[in-house]
N, C-alpha and C. Protein backbone atom coordinates (compact mmCIF):
# COMPACT_ATOMS: atom_id res chain seq x y z
N MET A 1 91.08 110.89 94.78
CA MET A 1 91.41 109.54 95.22
C MET A 1 92.91 109.34 95.07
N ARG A 2 93.56 108.91 96.13
CA ARG A 2 94.97 108.55 96.10
C ARG A 2 95.12 107.30 96.96
N LYS A 3 95.71 106.26 96.37
CA LYS A 3 95.94 105.00 97.07
C LYS A 3 97.43 104.68 97.01
N GLU A 4 98.00 104.38 98.17
CA GLU A 4 99.39 104.02 98.26
C GLU A 4 99.52 102.54 98.62
N LEU A 5 100.31 101.79 97.85
CA LEU A 5 100.49 100.36 98.05
C LEU A 5 101.95 100.02 98.23
N ARG A 6 102.21 99.06 99.09
CA ARG A 6 103.56 98.51 99.26
C ARG A 6 103.46 96.99 99.11
N LEU A 7 104.17 96.45 98.13
CA LEU A 7 104.23 95.02 97.88
C LEU A 7 105.61 94.56 98.38
N SER A 8 105.64 93.72 99.41
CA SER A 8 106.93 93.41 100.03
C SER A 8 107.13 91.92 100.22
N GLY A 9 108.41 91.54 100.17
CA GLY A 9 108.77 90.15 100.35
C GLY A 9 110.24 89.98 100.11
N SER A 10 110.60 88.96 99.34
CA SER A 10 112.01 88.72 99.04
C SER A 10 112.24 88.68 97.54
N GLY A 11 113.49 88.90 97.17
CA GLY A 11 113.86 88.84 95.77
C GLY A 11 113.53 87.50 95.17
N GLY A 12 113.01 87.50 93.98
CA GLY A 12 112.63 86.26 93.31
C GLY A 12 111.15 85.97 93.38
N GLN A 13 110.41 86.72 94.22
CA GLN A 13 108.97 86.49 94.31
C GLN A 13 108.19 87.31 93.27
N GLY A 14 108.85 88.13 92.50
CA GLY A 14 108.17 88.85 91.43
C GLY A 14 107.39 90.07 91.87
N LEU A 15 107.70 90.62 93.01
CA LEU A 15 106.93 91.75 93.52
C LEU A 15 107.16 93.03 92.72
N ILE A 16 108.36 93.20 92.24
CA ILE A 16 108.62 94.40 91.41
C ILE A 16 107.85 94.30 90.11
N THR A 17 107.85 93.12 89.52
CA THR A 17 107.04 92.91 88.30
C THR A 17 105.56 93.16 88.60
N ALA A 18 105.08 92.68 89.74
CA ALA A 18 103.69 92.90 90.11
C ALA A 18 103.38 94.39 90.24
N GLY A 19 104.28 95.13 90.84
CA GLY A 19 104.08 96.58 90.96
C GLY A 19 104.02 97.27 89.61
N ILE A 20 104.89 96.86 88.71
CA ILE A 20 104.90 97.43 87.36
C ILE A 20 103.60 97.10 86.64
N ILE A 21 103.15 95.87 86.76
CA ILE A 21 101.91 95.44 86.10
C ILE A 21 100.73 96.24 86.64
N LEU A 22 100.65 96.41 87.95
CA LEU A 22 99.54 97.18 88.54
C LEU A 22 99.57 98.63 88.06
N ALA A 23 100.74 99.23 88.03
CA ALA A 23 100.85 100.63 87.55
C ALA A 23 100.43 100.74 86.09
N GLU A 24 100.87 99.78 85.28
CA GLU A 24 100.50 99.80 83.86
C GLU A 24 98.98 99.64 83.68
N ALA A 25 98.38 98.74 84.47
CA ALA A 25 96.93 98.54 84.38
C ALA A 25 96.20 99.84 84.78
N ALA A 26 96.70 100.50 85.81
CA ALA A 26 96.07 101.76 86.26
C ALA A 26 96.14 102.82 85.16
N MET A 27 97.27 102.91 84.50
CA MET A 27 97.40 103.89 83.40
C MET A 27 96.45 103.55 82.26
N ARG A 28 96.30 102.27 81.98
CA ARG A 28 95.34 101.84 80.95
C ARG A 28 93.91 102.21 81.33
N ASP A 29 93.64 102.30 82.64
CA ASP A 29 92.33 102.68 83.15
C ASP A 29 92.17 104.20 83.26
N GLY A 30 93.20 104.95 82.87
CA GLY A 30 93.12 106.40 82.92
C GLY A 30 93.53 107.03 84.23
N LEU A 31 94.13 106.26 85.10
CA LEU A 31 94.61 106.80 86.37
C LEU A 31 96.07 107.25 86.24
N GLU A 32 96.48 108.11 87.13
CA GLU A 32 97.89 108.44 87.27
C GLU A 32 98.50 107.34 88.11
N ALA A 33 99.71 106.92 87.79
CA ALA A 33 100.36 105.84 88.53
C ALA A 33 101.86 106.08 88.57
N VAL A 34 102.43 105.82 89.74
CA VAL A 34 103.87 105.89 89.94
C VAL A 34 104.27 104.59 90.61
N GLN A 35 105.37 104.00 90.12
CA GLN A 35 105.88 102.76 90.70
C GLN A 35 107.35 102.96 91.01
N THR A 36 107.74 102.62 92.24
CA THR A 36 109.15 102.63 92.62
C THR A 36 109.49 101.29 93.23
N GLN A 37 110.77 101.03 93.39
CA GLN A 37 111.18 99.71 93.88
C GLN A 37 112.50 99.81 94.61
N SER A 38 112.72 98.85 95.48
CA SER A 38 114.02 98.71 96.12
C SER A 38 114.21 97.24 96.48
N TYR A 39 115.47 96.84 96.49
CA TYR A 39 115.78 95.44 96.78
C TYR A 39 117.21 95.36 97.26
N GLY A 40 117.49 94.30 97.99
CA GLY A 40 118.83 94.07 98.52
C GLY A 40 119.78 93.65 97.41
N PRO A 41 121.07 93.53 97.74
CA PRO A 41 122.06 93.19 96.73
C PRO A 41 121.99 91.74 96.26
N GLU A 42 121.29 90.90 96.99
CA GLU A 42 121.17 89.50 96.59
C GLU A 42 120.27 89.37 95.38
N ALA A 43 120.58 88.44 94.49
CA ALA A 43 119.73 88.22 93.32
C ALA A 43 118.39 87.62 93.74
N ARG A 44 118.44 86.68 94.68
CA ARG A 44 117.22 86.05 95.18
C ARG A 44 117.35 85.92 96.70
N GLY A 45 116.23 86.08 97.36
CA GLY A 45 116.20 85.87 98.81
C GLY A 45 116.37 87.11 99.65
N GLY A 46 116.93 88.17 99.11
CA GLY A 46 117.08 89.42 99.88
C GLY A 46 115.76 90.16 99.91
N ALA A 47 115.70 91.19 100.73
CA ALA A 47 114.49 91.99 100.85
C ALA A 47 114.16 92.67 99.51
N ALA A 48 112.89 92.73 99.21
CA ALA A 48 112.44 93.41 97.99
C ALA A 48 111.09 94.06 98.25
N LYS A 49 110.90 95.25 97.67
CA LYS A 49 109.58 95.86 97.77
C LYS A 49 109.35 96.70 96.53
N ALA A 50 108.10 96.75 96.16
CA ALA A 50 107.65 97.63 95.09
C ALA A 50 106.56 98.50 95.70
N GLU A 51 106.58 99.77 95.37
CA GLU A 51 105.56 100.67 95.85
C GLU A 51 104.86 101.30 94.68
N VAL A 52 103.56 101.43 94.81
CA VAL A 52 102.72 101.95 93.74
C VAL A 52 101.79 103.00 94.32
N ILE A 53 101.70 104.12 93.64
CA ILE A 53 100.72 105.15 93.97
C ILE A 53 99.75 105.23 92.82
N LEU A 54 98.47 105.14 93.12
CA LEU A 54 97.41 105.27 92.14
C LEU A 54 96.59 106.50 92.51
N SER A 55 96.28 107.33 91.50
CA SER A 55 95.55 108.56 91.81
C SER A 55 94.74 109.00 90.60
N ASP A 56 93.67 109.72 90.89
CA ASP A 56 92.91 110.32 89.80
C ASP A 56 93.39 111.75 89.52
N ALA A 57 94.40 112.21 90.26
CA ALA A 57 95.03 113.52 90.05
C ALA A 57 96.53 113.31 89.87
N GLU A 58 97.21 114.34 89.44
CA GLU A 58 98.65 114.24 89.25
C GLU A 58 99.32 113.86 90.57
N VAL A 59 100.30 112.95 90.48
CA VAL A 59 101.04 112.52 91.65
C VAL A 59 102.22 113.47 91.82
N ASP A 60 102.20 114.22 92.92
CA ASP A 60 103.23 115.25 93.10
C ASP A 60 104.47 114.76 93.85
N TYR A 61 104.38 113.61 94.50
CA TYR A 61 105.53 113.04 95.21
C TYR A 61 105.52 111.54 94.96
N PRO A 62 106.59 110.99 94.40
CA PRO A 62 106.55 109.60 93.92
C PRO A 62 106.80 108.50 94.96
N LYS A 63 107.04 108.85 96.19
CA LYS A 63 107.32 107.84 97.21
C LYS A 63 106.09 107.57 98.08
N VAL A 64 105.90 106.31 98.43
CA VAL A 64 104.85 105.93 99.36
C VAL A 64 105.30 106.35 100.75
N THR A 65 104.52 107.18 101.41
CA THR A 65 104.88 107.64 102.74
C THR A 65 104.07 106.95 103.82
N SER A 66 102.85 106.61 103.51
CA SER A 66 101.97 105.96 104.49
C SER A 66 101.02 105.04 103.75
N PRO A 67 101.45 103.79 103.51
CA PRO A 67 100.65 102.91 102.63
C PRO A 67 99.26 102.62 103.18
N ASP A 68 98.33 102.61 102.24
CA ASP A 68 96.96 102.24 102.54
C ASP A 68 96.78 100.72 102.44
N TYR A 69 97.63 100.09 101.65
CA TYR A 69 97.56 98.65 101.38
C TYR A 69 98.97 98.08 101.39
N ILE A 70 99.13 96.96 102.09
CA ILE A 70 100.44 96.32 102.17
C ILE A 70 100.25 94.83 101.84
N LEU A 71 101.09 94.33 100.96
CA LEU A 71 101.19 92.90 100.71
C LEU A 71 102.49 92.43 101.34
N ALA A 72 102.42 91.45 102.19
CA ALA A 72 103.62 90.88 102.83
C ALA A 72 103.71 89.40 102.45
N MET A 73 104.77 89.06 101.76
CA MET A 73 104.96 87.69 101.28
C MET A 73 106.01 86.92 102.08
N THR A 74 106.60 87.57 103.10
CA THR A 74 107.56 86.89 103.98
C THR A 74 107.32 87.38 105.41
N PRO A 75 107.77 86.58 106.40
CA PRO A 75 107.64 87.03 107.78
C PRO A 75 108.39 88.35 108.06
N ILE A 76 109.57 88.49 107.46
CA ILE A 76 110.34 89.72 107.66
C ILE A 76 109.59 90.91 107.10
N ALA A 77 108.99 90.77 105.93
CA ALA A 77 108.23 91.86 105.33
C ALA A 77 107.02 92.21 106.22
N CYS A 78 106.39 91.21 106.77
CA CYS A 78 105.25 91.46 107.64
C CYS A 78 105.70 92.18 108.90
N ASP A 79 106.80 91.73 109.49
CA ASP A 79 107.32 92.40 110.69
C ASP A 79 107.70 93.85 110.40
N ARG A 80 108.34 94.07 109.26
CA ARG A 80 108.84 95.39 108.91
C ARG A 80 107.72 96.35 108.53
N TYR A 81 106.74 95.88 107.77
CA TYR A 81 105.75 96.78 107.20
C TYR A 81 104.32 96.56 107.69
N GLY A 82 104.05 95.39 108.26
CA GLY A 82 102.67 95.08 108.59
C GLY A 82 102.25 95.27 110.02
N CYS A 83 103.19 95.46 110.90
CA CYS A 83 102.84 95.50 112.32
C CYS A 83 102.47 96.89 112.81
N ASN A 84 103.00 97.91 112.20
CA ASN A 84 102.71 99.29 112.64
C ASN A 84 102.09 100.08 111.50
N ILE A 85 100.97 99.60 111.02
CA ILE A 85 100.33 100.29 109.90
C ILE A 85 99.38 101.36 110.41
N LYS A 86 99.11 102.32 109.56
CA LYS A 86 98.20 103.40 109.99
C LYS A 86 96.80 102.84 110.17
N PRO A 87 96.01 103.50 110.99
CA PRO A 87 94.63 103.04 111.20
C PRO A 87 93.86 102.93 109.88
N GLY A 88 93.21 101.81 109.70
CA GLY A 88 92.42 101.59 108.51
C GLY A 88 93.16 101.00 107.33
N ALA A 89 94.50 100.95 107.41
CA ALA A 89 95.27 100.36 106.33
C ALA A 89 95.00 98.86 106.26
N LYS A 90 95.09 98.31 105.08
CA LYS A 90 94.81 96.89 104.85
C LYS A 90 96.11 96.14 104.64
N LEU A 91 96.21 94.97 105.25
CA LEU A 91 97.36 94.09 105.13
C LEU A 91 96.90 92.78 104.52
N VAL A 92 97.59 92.34 103.48
CA VAL A 92 97.33 91.05 102.85
C VAL A 92 98.62 90.22 102.96
N VAL A 93 98.47 88.99 103.43
CA VAL A 93 99.64 88.13 103.61
C VAL A 93 99.42 86.77 102.95
N ASP A 94 100.54 86.15 102.60
CA ASP A 94 100.50 84.75 102.18
C ASP A 94 100.46 83.94 103.46
N GLU A 95 99.32 83.34 103.75
CA GLU A 95 99.11 82.68 105.05
C GLU A 95 100.04 81.52 105.30
N ASP A 96 100.56 80.90 104.27
CA ASP A 96 101.47 79.77 104.47
C ASP A 96 102.91 80.23 104.69
N LEU A 97 103.26 81.38 104.18
CA LEU A 97 104.63 81.90 104.31
C LEU A 97 104.78 82.89 105.46
N VAL A 98 103.67 83.41 105.95
CA VAL A 98 103.71 84.45 106.99
C VAL A 98 102.85 84.02 108.18
N PRO A 99 103.36 83.09 108.99
CA PRO A 99 102.56 82.61 110.12
C PRO A 99 102.40 83.63 111.25
N ASN A 100 103.21 84.68 111.24
CA ASN A 100 103.18 85.69 112.30
C ASN A 100 102.27 86.87 111.99
N ALA A 101 101.42 86.73 111.01
CA ALA A 101 100.54 87.84 110.64
C ALA A 101 99.60 88.18 111.79
N PRO A 102 99.36 89.47 112.00
CA PRO A 102 98.46 89.86 113.10
C PRO A 102 97.04 89.42 112.85
N ASP A 103 96.33 89.12 113.92
CA ASP A 103 94.90 88.86 113.81
C ASP A 103 94.18 90.20 113.93
N SER A 104 93.58 90.59 112.84
CA SER A 104 92.94 91.90 112.78
C SER A 104 91.91 91.88 111.66
N LYS A 105 90.88 92.68 111.81
CA LYS A 105 89.89 92.76 110.73
C LYS A 105 90.48 93.42 109.49
N HIS A 106 91.66 94.03 109.63
CA HIS A 106 92.32 94.67 108.50
C HIS A 106 93.41 93.80 107.87
N CYS A 107 93.54 92.56 108.38
CA CYS A 107 94.52 91.64 107.84
C CYS A 107 93.80 90.51 107.11
N TYR A 108 94.17 90.32 105.86
CA TYR A 108 93.56 89.30 105.00
C TYR A 108 94.61 88.24 104.70
N LYS A 109 94.27 87.00 104.98
CA LYS A 109 95.22 85.90 104.83
C LYS A 109 94.75 84.98 103.70
N PHE A 110 95.66 84.77 102.74
CA PHE A 110 95.36 83.93 101.57
C PHE A 110 96.52 83.00 101.30
N PRO A 111 96.25 81.79 100.80
CA PRO A 111 97.32 80.85 100.44
C PRO A 111 97.87 81.16 99.03
N ILE A 112 98.49 82.31 98.89
CA ILE A 112 98.86 82.83 97.57
C ILE A 112 99.82 81.90 96.83
N THR A 113 100.91 81.50 97.48
CA THR A 113 101.88 80.63 96.81
C THR A 113 101.29 79.25 96.55
N LYS A 114 100.50 78.74 97.48
CA LYS A 114 99.86 77.45 97.28
C LYS A 114 98.95 77.48 96.06
N ILE A 115 98.19 78.56 95.89
CA ILE A 115 97.32 78.68 94.71
C ILE A 115 98.17 78.66 93.44
N SER A 116 99.28 79.38 93.46
CA SER A 116 100.16 79.41 92.29
C SER A 116 100.65 78.01 91.94
N LYS A 117 101.07 77.27 92.95
CA LYS A 117 101.57 75.91 92.71
C LYS A 117 100.47 75.01 92.16
N GLU A 118 99.26 75.16 92.69
CA GLU A 118 98.14 74.33 92.22
C GLU A 118 97.76 74.65 90.78
N ILE A 119 97.80 75.92 90.41
CA ILE A 119 97.36 76.33 89.09
C ILE A 119 98.43 76.15 88.01
N THR A 120 99.68 76.48 88.36
CA THR A 120 100.74 76.45 87.35
C THR A 120 101.79 75.37 87.59
N GLY A 121 101.73 74.73 88.77
CA GLY A 121 102.74 73.73 89.10
C GLY A 121 104.01 74.32 89.68
N ARG A 122 104.05 75.66 89.81
CA ARG A 122 105.24 76.34 90.32
C ARG A 122 104.83 77.53 91.19
N PRO A 123 105.74 77.98 92.06
CA PRO A 123 105.42 79.15 92.88
C PRO A 123 105.67 80.47 92.14
N LEU A 124 106.21 80.41 90.94
CA LEU A 124 106.65 81.62 90.26
C LEU A 124 105.53 82.59 89.89
N SER A 125 104.31 82.14 89.86
CA SER A 125 103.20 83.04 89.53
C SER A 125 102.47 83.55 90.77
N ALA A 126 103.07 83.37 91.94
CA ALA A 126 102.44 83.85 93.17
C ALA A 126 102.24 85.36 93.13
N ASN A 127 103.14 86.08 92.48
CA ASN A 127 102.96 87.54 92.37
C ASN A 127 101.70 87.89 91.59
N ILE A 128 101.39 87.09 90.60
CA ILE A 128 100.21 87.36 89.77
C ILE A 128 98.94 86.92 90.52
N VAL A 129 99.03 85.81 91.24
CA VAL A 129 97.90 85.42 92.12
C VAL A 129 97.63 86.56 93.09
N ALA A 130 98.70 87.11 93.69
CA ALA A 130 98.55 88.20 94.65
C ALA A 130 97.88 89.41 94.03
N LEU A 131 98.21 89.72 92.78
CA LEU A 131 97.54 90.83 92.09
C LEU A 131 96.04 90.56 91.96
N GLY A 132 95.69 89.33 91.63
CA GLY A 132 94.28 88.97 91.53
C GLY A 132 93.57 89.13 92.87
N VAL A 133 94.22 88.68 93.94
CA VAL A 133 93.66 88.81 95.28
C VAL A 133 93.48 90.28 95.64
N LEU A 134 94.55 91.05 95.50
CA LEU A 134 94.49 92.48 95.88
C LEU A 134 93.43 93.22 95.09
N ASN A 135 93.41 92.99 93.80
CA ASN A 135 92.46 93.74 92.97
C ASN A 135 91.02 93.33 93.23
N GLU A 136 90.80 92.07 93.51
CA GLU A 136 89.44 91.63 93.83
C GLU A 136 88.98 92.19 95.17
N LEU A 137 89.89 92.25 96.13
CA LEU A 137 89.55 92.81 97.43
C LEU A 137 89.28 94.31 97.38
N PHE A 138 90.14 95.05 96.66
CA PHE A 138 90.14 96.51 96.81
C PHE A 138 89.80 97.28 95.53
N LYS A 139 89.59 96.57 94.44
CA LYS A 139 89.10 97.20 93.18
C LYS A 139 89.96 98.39 92.73
N PHE A 140 91.26 98.18 92.61
CA PHE A 140 92.14 99.24 92.16
C PHE A 140 91.93 99.60 90.69
N VAL A 141 91.82 98.57 89.86
CA VAL A 141 91.70 98.77 88.41
C VAL A 141 90.68 97.77 87.86
N SER A 142 90.31 97.97 86.62
CA SER A 142 89.36 97.03 86.03
C SER A 142 90.09 95.70 85.78
N PRO A 143 89.40 94.58 85.97
CA PRO A 143 90.01 93.28 85.73
C PRO A 143 90.54 93.14 84.29
N GLU A 144 89.86 93.74 83.36
CA GLU A 144 90.28 93.65 81.94
C GLU A 144 91.63 94.32 81.72
N ARG A 145 91.83 95.50 82.32
CA ARG A 145 93.10 96.22 82.16
C ARG A 145 94.21 95.48 82.88
N LEU A 146 93.88 94.86 84.02
CA LEU A 146 94.89 94.11 84.76
C LEU A 146 95.35 92.90 83.93
N GLU A 147 94.40 92.20 83.34
CA GLU A 147 94.78 91.06 82.49
C GLU A 147 95.59 91.51 81.29
N GLU A 148 95.21 92.62 80.67
CA GLU A 148 95.99 93.15 79.55
C GLU A 148 97.44 93.43 79.96
N ALA A 149 97.60 94.05 81.13
CA ALA A 149 98.95 94.38 81.60
C ALA A 149 99.74 93.11 81.90
N VAL A 150 99.12 92.10 82.46
CA VAL A 150 99.79 90.83 82.69
C VAL A 150 100.25 90.25 81.36
N ARG A 151 99.36 90.22 80.38
CA ARG A 151 99.71 89.67 79.07
C ARG A 151 100.87 90.41 78.42
N GLN A 152 100.95 91.71 78.63
CA GLN A 152 102.01 92.51 78.03
C GLN A 152 103.35 92.39 78.77
N ARG A 153 103.33 92.13 80.08
CA ARG A 153 104.53 92.23 80.88
C ARG A 153 105.23 90.90 81.16
N VAL A 154 104.50 89.79 81.26
CA VAL A 154 105.14 88.51 81.59
C VAL A 154 105.77 87.91 80.34
N PRO A 155 106.73 87.00 80.52
CA PRO A 155 107.35 86.35 79.36
C PRO A 155 106.28 85.63 78.51
N LYS A 156 106.45 85.72 77.23
CA LYS A 156 105.46 85.15 76.29
C LYS A 156 105.17 83.67 76.56
N ALA A 157 106.20 82.92 76.93
CA ALA A 157 106.01 81.49 77.15
C ALA A 157 105.13 81.20 78.37
N SER A 158 104.98 82.16 79.26
CA SER A 158 104.18 81.90 80.48
C SER A 158 102.92 82.74 80.56
N VAL A 159 102.51 83.35 79.46
CA VAL A 159 101.32 84.21 79.48
C VAL A 159 100.10 83.45 79.97
N GLU A 160 99.80 82.31 79.40
CA GLU A 160 98.57 81.60 79.76
C GLU A 160 98.59 81.12 81.20
N ASP A 161 99.75 80.63 81.69
CA ASP A 161 99.86 80.26 83.10
C ASP A 161 99.58 81.45 83.99
N ASN A 162 100.14 82.61 83.65
CA ASN A 162 99.95 83.80 84.47
C ASN A 162 98.52 84.32 84.43
N VAL A 163 97.87 84.23 83.30
CA VAL A 163 96.47 84.64 83.21
C VAL A 163 95.61 83.70 84.06
N ARG A 164 95.91 82.40 84.01
CA ARG A 164 95.19 81.46 84.87
C ARG A 164 95.42 81.78 86.34
N ALA A 165 96.67 82.13 86.70
CA ALA A 165 97.01 82.47 88.08
C ALA A 165 96.25 83.73 88.51
N LEU A 166 96.19 84.73 87.67
CA LEU A 166 95.44 85.95 87.96
C LEU A 166 93.98 85.63 88.20
N ASN A 167 93.39 84.90 87.30
CA ASN A 167 91.96 84.57 87.40
C ASN A 167 91.65 83.70 88.61
N GLU A 168 92.57 82.82 88.97
CA GLU A 168 92.35 82.00 90.15
C GLU A 168 92.45 82.85 91.43
N GLY A 169 93.36 83.81 91.45
CA GLY A 169 93.43 84.72 92.59
C GLY A 169 92.13 85.49 92.77
N ILE A 170 91.57 85.92 91.65
CA ILE A 170 90.29 86.64 91.68
C ILE A 170 89.17 85.71 92.15
N ARG A 171 89.09 84.53 91.55
CA ARG A 171 88.03 83.58 91.87
C ARG A 171 88.10 83.15 93.33
N TYR A 172 89.29 82.81 93.79
CA TYR A 172 89.46 82.35 95.17
C TYR A 172 89.04 83.46 96.15
N THR A 173 89.44 84.67 95.87
CA THR A 173 89.11 85.79 96.75
C THR A 173 87.61 86.04 96.78
N ARG A 174 87.00 86.04 95.63
CA ARG A 174 85.55 86.23 95.54
C ARG A 174 84.82 85.18 96.37
N GLU A 175 85.24 83.94 96.22
CA GLU A 175 84.60 82.84 96.96
C GLU A 175 84.85 82.97 98.47
N LYS A 176 86.05 83.27 98.85
CA LYS A 176 86.39 83.38 100.27
C LYS A 176 85.62 84.55 100.92
N MET A 177 85.50 85.65 100.23
CA MET A 177 84.83 86.82 100.81
C MET A 177 83.32 86.62 100.88
N GLN A 178 82.76 85.78 100.00
CA GLN A 178 81.32 85.47 100.08
C GLN A 178 81.04 84.62 101.29
N ASP A 179 82.02 83.79 101.69
CA ASP A 179 81.85 82.92 102.85
C ASP A 179 81.87 83.68 104.16
N LYS A 180 82.38 84.89 104.15
CA LYS A 180 82.51 85.66 105.40
C LYS A 180 81.21 86.34 105.76
């Protein structure tokens, strides 16, 4: 099993932190994990992406070459990474921030930032909501290991907000997918 993920958006959305958290959770689950990142020179607002490879065997090349899963949190990220995906790849977008998302059975639209604002009062936990959504949809790691990694990686003052954001992403996804 080898899964390649690309988490993309803009600086300040916490996507690099989300990639690190997912990789740490995978290692806690006994998987091999590699996380890489790139971002523009701007502190906030420039392009940002985190890539994660999860595998049950040694990862021999650390770069994502053909992602199986893409998270797009901005229209530019969706245009750049979501429009020409390989057959069967899954695309998840923030439906309020990415109005240009393709209509496809492989595209999943969620109000990620809206959920963060409702749960924590701020958009800053949207990355953690997105992790809850992604993991509930595709079962990358155990929910327990993901929560442990969130608790270890986010600032201590915001641990409980982020755990609530994670759990709401999971709950919302579970409910939405049951309705389909």
